[in-house]
């Protein structure tokens, strides 16, 4: 089962981490990435979009 990790900062400066394990949500979020970033994230690398950092973990 794949897990999409999203790391982001709140307005207060605190860092939050979200674990997304629902396949439908993962598929929707994958549409945010361009082709180059999609290849990176599928290879397990971290990808930064604006202020959010994403990583796909295969399990």
PDB file of N, CA and C in Angstrom:
ATOM      1  N   UNK A   1       0.840  -1.178   0.000  1.00  0.00           N
ATOM      2  CA  UNK A   1       0.000   0.000   0.000  1.00  0.00           C
ATOM      3  C   UNK A   1       0.885   1.242   0.000  1.00  0.00           C
ATOM      4  N   UNK A   2       0.602   2.181  -0.860  1.00  0.00           N
ATOM      5  CA  UNK A   2       1.370   3.419  -0.960  1.00  0.00           C
ATOM      6  C   UNK A   2       0.854   4.448   0.036  1.00  0.00           C
ATOM      7  N   UNK A   3       1.778   5.278   0.497  1.00  0.00           N
ATOM      8  CA  UNK A   3       1.445   6.379   1.391  1.00  0.00           C
ATOM      9  C   UNK A   3       2.102   7.630   0.822  1.00  0.00           C
ATOM     10  N   UNK A   4       1.326   8.675   0.678  1.00  0.00           N
ATOM     11  CA  UNK A   4       1.836   9.958   0.216  1.00  0.00           C
ATOM     12  C   UNK A   4       2.032  10.842   1.435  1.00  0.00           C
ATOM     13  N   UNK A   5       3.274  11.286   1.644  1.00  0.00           N
ATOM     14  CA  UNK A   5       3.590  12.142   2.785  1.00  0.00           C
ATOM     15  C   UNK A   5       3.637  13.586   2.316  1.00  0.00           C
ATOM     16  N   UNK A   6       2.966  14.462   3.042  1.00  0.00           N
ATOM     17  CA  UNK A   6       2.972  15.890   2.738  1.00  0.00           C
ATOM     18  C   UNK A   6       3.463  16.623   3.975  1.00  0.00           C
ATOM     19  N   UNK A   7       4.514  17.397   3.816  1.00  0.00           N
ATOM     20  CA  UNK A   7       5.059  18.200   4.904  1.00  0.00           C
ATOM     21  C   UNK A   7       4.853  19.663   4.538  1.00  0.00           C
ATOM     22  N   UNK A   8       4.291  20.422   5.470  1.00  0.00           N
ATOM     23  CA  UNK A   8       4.005  21.832   5.202  1.00  0.00           C
ATOM     24  C   UNK A   8       4.099  22.631   6.488  1.00  0.00           C
ATOM     25  N   UNK A   9       4.204  23.944   6.342  1.00  0.00           N
ATOM     26  CA  UNK A   9       4.275  24.837   7.495  1.00  0.00           C
ATOM     27  C   UNK A   9       2.965  25.613   7.638  1.00  0.00           C
ATOM     28  N   UNK A  10       2.529  25.730   8.873  1.00  0.00           N
ATOM     29  CA  UNK A  10       1.343  26.529   9.183  1.00  0.00           C
ATOM     30  C   UNK A  10       1.727  28.001   9.236  1.00  0.00           C
ATOM     31  N   UNK A  11       0.741  28.869   9.257  1.00  0.00           N
ATOM     32  CA  UNK A  11       0.992  30.305   9.344  1.00  0.00           C
ATOM     33  C   UNK A  11       1.729  30.660  10.636  1.00  0.00           C
ATOM     34  N   UNK A  12       1.539  29.859  11.668  1.00  0.00           N
ATOM     35  CA  UNK A  12       2.200  30.107  12.946  1.00  0.00           C
ATOM     36  C   UNK A  12       3.668  29.680  12.926  1.00  0.00           C
ATOM     37  N   UNK A  13       4.097  28.996  11.847  1.00  0.00           N
ATOM     38  CA  UNK A  13       5.474  28.557  11.736  1.00  0.00           C
ATOM     39  C   UNK A  13       5.691  27.104  12.107  1.00  0.00           C
ATOM     40  N   UNK A  14       4.675  26.471  12.679  1.00  0.00           N
ATOM     41  CA  UNK A  14       4.796  25.057  13.022  1.00  0.00           C
ATOM     42  C   UNK A  14       4.785  24.193  11.769  1.00  0.00           C
ATOM     43  N   UNK A  15       5.558  23.131  11.804  1.00  0.00           N
ATOM     44  CA  UNK A  15       5.607  22.211  10.676  1.00  0.00           C
ATOM     45  C   UNK A  15       4.657  21.053  10.930  1.00  0.00           C
ATOM     46  N   UNK A  16       3.845  20.740   9.934  1.00  0.00           N
ATOM     47  CA  UNK A  16       2.878  19.654  10.025  1.00  0.00           C
ATOM     48  C   UNK A  16       3.222  18.593   8.994  1.00  0.00           C
ATOM     49  N   UNK A  17       2.839  17.354   9.282  1.00  0.00           N
ATOM     50  CA  UNK A  17       3.038  16.260   8.350  1.00  0.00           C
ATOM     51  C   UNK A  17       1.715  15.518   8.198  1.00  0.00           C
ATOM     52  N   UNK A  18       1.329  15.275   6.970  1.00  0.00           N
ATOM     53  CA  UNK A  18       0.068  14.580   6.685  1.00  0.00           C
ATOM     54  C   UNK A  18       0.378  13.284   5.945  1.00  0.00           C
ATOM     55  N   UNK A  19      -0.198  12.183   6.424  1.00  0.00           N
ATOM     56  CA  UNK A  19      -0.041  10.877   5.774  1.00  0.00           C
ATOM     57  C   UNK A  19      -1.331  10.587   5.016  1.00  0.00           C
ATOM     58  N   UNK A  20      -1.220  10.451   3.711  1.00  0.00           N
ATOM     59  CA  UNK A  20      -2.380  10.191   2.869  1.00  0.00           C
ATOM     60  C   UNK A  20      -2.268   8.760   2.365  1.00  0.00           C
ATOM     61  N   UNK A  21      -3.194   7.896   2.801  1.00  0.00           N
ATOM     62  CA  UNK A  21      -3.120   6.492   2.396  1.00  0.00           C
ATOM     63  C   UNK A  21      -4.325   6.034   1.575  1.00  0.00           C
ATOM     64  N   UNK A  22      -5.264   6.926   1.335  1.00  0.00           N
ATOM     65  CA  UNK A  22      -6.429   6.605   0.518  1.00  0.00           C
ATOM     66  C   UNK A  22      -6.031   6.665  -0.966  1.00  0.00           C
ATOM     67  N   UNK A  23      -6.144   5.547  -1.697  1.00  0.00           N
ATOM     68  CA  UNK A  23      -5.710   5.523  -3.110  1.00  0.00           C
ATOM     69  C   UNK A  23      -6.378   6.584  -3.984  1.00  0.00           C
ATOM     70  N   UNK A  24      -7.644   6.895  -3.726  1.00  0.00           N
ATOM     71  CA  UNK A  24      -8.339   7.912  -4.516  1.00  0.00           C
ATOM     72  C   UNK A  24      -7.735   9.293  -4.283  1.00  0.00           C
ATOM     73  N   UNK A  25      -7.437   9.615  -3.033  1.00  0.00           N
ATOM     74  CA  UNK A  25      -6.821  10.917  -2.707  1.00  0.00           C
ATOM     75  C   UNK A  25      -5.417  11.007  -3.282  1.00  0.00           C
ATOM     76  N   UNK A  26      -4.665   9.904  -3.215  1.00  0.00           N
ATOM     77  CA  UNK A  26      -3.310   9.899  -3.760  1.00  0.00           C
ATOM     78  C   UNK A  26      -3.365  10.186  -5.262  1.00  0.00           C
ATOM     79  N   UNK A  27      -4.288   9.540  -5.944  1.00  0.00           N
ATOM     80  CA  UNK A  27      -4.413   9.752  -7.393  1.00  0.00           C
ATOM     81  C   UNK A  27      -4.760  11.199  -7.717  1.00  0.00           C
ATOM     82  N   UNK A  28      -5.641  11.808  -6.926  1.00  0.00           N
ATOM     83  CA  UNK A  28      -5.999  13.216  -7.155  1.00  0.00           C
ATOM     84  C   UNK A  28      -4.804  14.130  -6.940  1.00  0.00           C
ATOM     85  N   UNK A  29      -4.030  13.874  -5.869  1.00  0.00           N
ATOM     86  CA  UNK A  29      -2.862  14.705  -5.587  1.00  0.00           C
ATOM     87  C   UNK A  29      -1.786  14.528  -6.655  1.00  0.00           C
ATOM     88  N   UNK A  30      -1.659  13.331  -7.237  1.00  0.00           N
ATOM     89  CA  UNK A  30      -0.639  13.086  -8.255  1.00  0.00           C
ATOM     90  C   UNK A  30      -0.867  13.956  -9.488  1.00  0.00           C
ATOM     91  N   UNK A  31      -2.091  14.418  -9.690  1.00  0.00           N
ATOM     92  CA  UNK A  31      -2.382  15.287 -10.832  1.00  0.00           C
ATOM     93  C   UNK A  31      -1.790  16.690 -10.644  1.00  0.00           C
ATOM     94  N   UNK A  32      -1.353  17.023  -9.432  1.00  0.00           N
ATOM     95  CA  UNK A  32      -0.733  18.325  -9.175  1.00  0.00           C
ATOM     96  C   UNK A  32       0.672  18.424  -9.763  1.00  0.00           C
ATOM     97  N   UNK A  33       1.331  17.300  -9.936  1.00  0.00           N
ATOM     98  CA  UNK A  33       2.727  17.286 -10.337  1.00  0.00           C
ATOM     99  C   UNK A  33       2.875  17.350 -11.847  1.00  0.00           C
ATOM    100  N   UNK A  34       3.907  18.071 -12.300  1.00  0.00           N
ATOM    101  CA  UNK A  34       4.207  18.044 -13.732  1.00  0.00           C
ATOM    102  C   UNK A  34       4.963  16.750 -14.049  1.00  0.00           C
ATOM    103  N   UNK A  35       5.259  16.518 -15.313  1.00  0.00           N
ATOM    104  CA  UNK A  35       5.848  15.240 -15.725  1.00  0.00           C
ATOM    105  C   UNK A  35       7.179  14.957 -15.036  1.00  0.00           C
ATOM    106  N   UNK A  36       8.020  15.981 -14.937  1.00  0.00           N
ATOM    107  CA  UNK A  36       9.340  15.798 -14.326  1.00  0.00           C
ATOM    108  C   UNK A  36       9.220  15.465 -12.844  1.00  0.00           C
ATOM    109  N   UNK A  37       8.372  16.214 -12.129  1.00  0.00           N
ATOM    110  CA  UNK A  37       8.172  15.959 -10.703  1.00  0.00           C
ATOM    111  C   UNK A  37       7.500  14.612 -10.467  1.00  0.00           C
ATOM    112  N   UNK A  38       6.616  14.213 -11.360  1.00  0.00           N
ATOM    113  CA  UNK A  38       5.927  12.931 -11.226  1.00  0.00           C
ATOM    114  C   UNK A  38       6.923  11.770 -11.307  1.00  0.00           C
ATOM    115  N   UNK A  39       7.894  11.874 -12.208  1.00  0.00           N
ATOM    116  CA  UNK A  39       8.926  10.837 -12.306  1.00  0.00           C
ATOM    117  C   UNK A  39       9.742  10.769 -11.026  1.00  0.00           C
ATOM    118  N   UNK A  40      10.073  11.938 -10.465  1.00  0.00           N
ATOM    119  CA  UNK A  40      10.863  11.980  -9.232  1.00  0.00           C
ATOM    120  C   UNK A  40      10.101  11.357  -8.067  1.00  0.00           C
ATOM    121  N   UNK A  41       8.834  11.732  -7.920  1.00  0.00           N
ATOM    122  CA  UNK A  41       8.070  11.237  -6.772  1.00  0.00           C
ATOM    123  C   UNK A  41       7.806   9.736  -6.900  1.00  0.00           C
ATOM    124  N   UNK A  42       7.629   9.236  -8.118  1.00  0.00           N
ATOM    125  CA  UNK A  42       7.417   7.807  -8.309  1.00  0.00           C
ATOM    126  C   UNK A  42       8.691   7.019  -8.031  1.00  0.00           C
ATOM    127  N   UNK A  43       9.849   7.682  -8.133  1.00  0.00           N
ATOM    128  CA  UNK A  43      11.127   7.048  -7.822  1.00  0.00           C
ATOM    129  C   UNK A  43      11.423   7.099  -6.320  1.00  0.00           C
ATOM    130  N   UNK A  44      10.553   7.762  -5.549  1.00  0.00           N
ATOM    131  CA  UNK A  44      10.715   7.816  -4.103  1.00  0.00           C
ATOM    132  C   UNK A  44      11.435   9.051  -3.599  1.00  0.00           C
ATOM    133  N   UNK A  45      11.740   9.997  -4.493  1.00  0.00           N
ATOM    134  CA  UNK A  45      12.412  11.223  -4.096  1.00  0.00           C
ATOM    135  C   UNK A  45      11.404  12.214  -3.535  1.00  0.00           C
ATOM    136  N   UNK A  46      11.917  13.163  -2.772  1.00  0.00           N
ATOM    137  CA  UNK A  46      11.063  14.234  -2.262  1.00  0.00           C
ATOM    138  C   UNK A  46      10.908  15.301  -3.331  1.00  0.00           C
ATOM    139  N   UNK A  47       9.699  15.841  -3.440  1.00  0.00           N
ATOM    140  CA  UNK A  47       9.400  16.876  -4.425  1.00  0.00           C
ATOM    141  C   UNK A  47       8.799  18.059  -3.683  1.00  0.00           C
ATOM    142  N   UNK A  48       9.283  19.252  -4.001  1.00  0.00           N
ATOM    143  CA  UNK A  48       8.776  20.449  -3.357  1.00  0.00           C
ATOM    144  C   UNK A  48       7.950  21.242  -4.360  1.00  0.00           C
ATOM    145  N   UNK A  49       6.708  21.531  -3.994  1.00  0.00           N
ATOM    146  CA  UNK A  49       5.821  22.373  -4.789  1.00  0.00           C
ATOM    147  C   UNK A  49       5.441  23.553  -3.905  1.00  0.00           C
ATOM    148  N   UNK A  50       5.858  24.733  -4.342  1.00  0.00           N
ATOM    149  CA  UNK A  50       5.705  25.956  -3.570  1.00  0.00           C
ATOM    150  C   UNK A  50       6.284  25.733  -2.173  1.00  0.00           C
ATOM    151  N   UNK A  51       5.468  25.671  -1.145  1.00  0.00           N
ATOM    152  CA  UNK A  51       5.985  25.513   0.219  1.00  0.00           C
ATOM    153  C   UNK A  51       5.751  24.121   0.787  1.00  0.00           C
ATOM    154  N   UNK A  52       5.132  23.244   0.018  1.00  0.00           N
ATOM    155  CA  UNK A  52       4.852  21.885   0.480  1.00  0.00           C
ATOM    156  C   UNK A  52       5.892  20.916  -0.062  1.00  0.00           C
ATOM    157  N   UNK A  53       6.244  19.942   0.763  1.00  0.00           N
ATOM    158  CA  UNK A  53       7.168  18.896   0.342  1.00  0.00           C
ATOM    159  C   UNK A  53       6.412  17.577   0.318  1.00  0.00           C
ATOM    160  N   UNK A  54       6.553  16.828  -0.775  1.00  0.00           N
ATOM    161  CA  UNK A  54       5.803  15.596  -0.977  1.00  0.00           C
ATOM    162  C   UNK A  54       6.761  14.429  -1.149  1.00  0.00           C
ATOM    163  N   UNK A  55       6.357  13.251  -0.684  1.00  0.00           N
ATOM    164  CA  UNK A  55       7.127  12.034  -0.904  1.00  0.00           C
ATOM    165  C   UNK A  55       6.175  10.853  -0.942  1.00  0.00           C
ATOM    166  N   UNK A  56       6.365   9.983  -1.921  1.00  0.00           N
ATOM    167  CA  UNK A  56       5.546   8.785  -2.064  1.00  0.00           C
ATOM    168  C   UNK A  56       6.334   7.605  -1.512  1.00  0.00           C
ATOM    169  N   UNK A  57       5.760   6.930  -0.534  1.00  0.00           N
ATOM    170  CA  UNK A  57       6.395   5.775   0.087  1.00  0.00           C
ATOM    171  C   UNK A  57       5.634   4.527  -0.311  1.00  0.00           C
ATOM    172  N   UNK A  58       6.332   3.578  -0.914  1.00  0.00           N
ATOM    173  CA  UNK A  58       5.711   2.312  -1.298  1.00  0.00           C
ATOM    174  C   UNK A  58       5.781   1.356  -0.126  1.00  0.00           C
ATOM    175  N   UNK A  59       4.716   0.661   0.136  1.00  0.00           N
ATOM    176  CA  UNK A  59       4.715  -0.216   1.284  1.00  0.00           C
ATOM    177  C   UNK A  59       4.264  -1.605   1.016  1.00  0.00           C
TER     178      UNK A  59
END
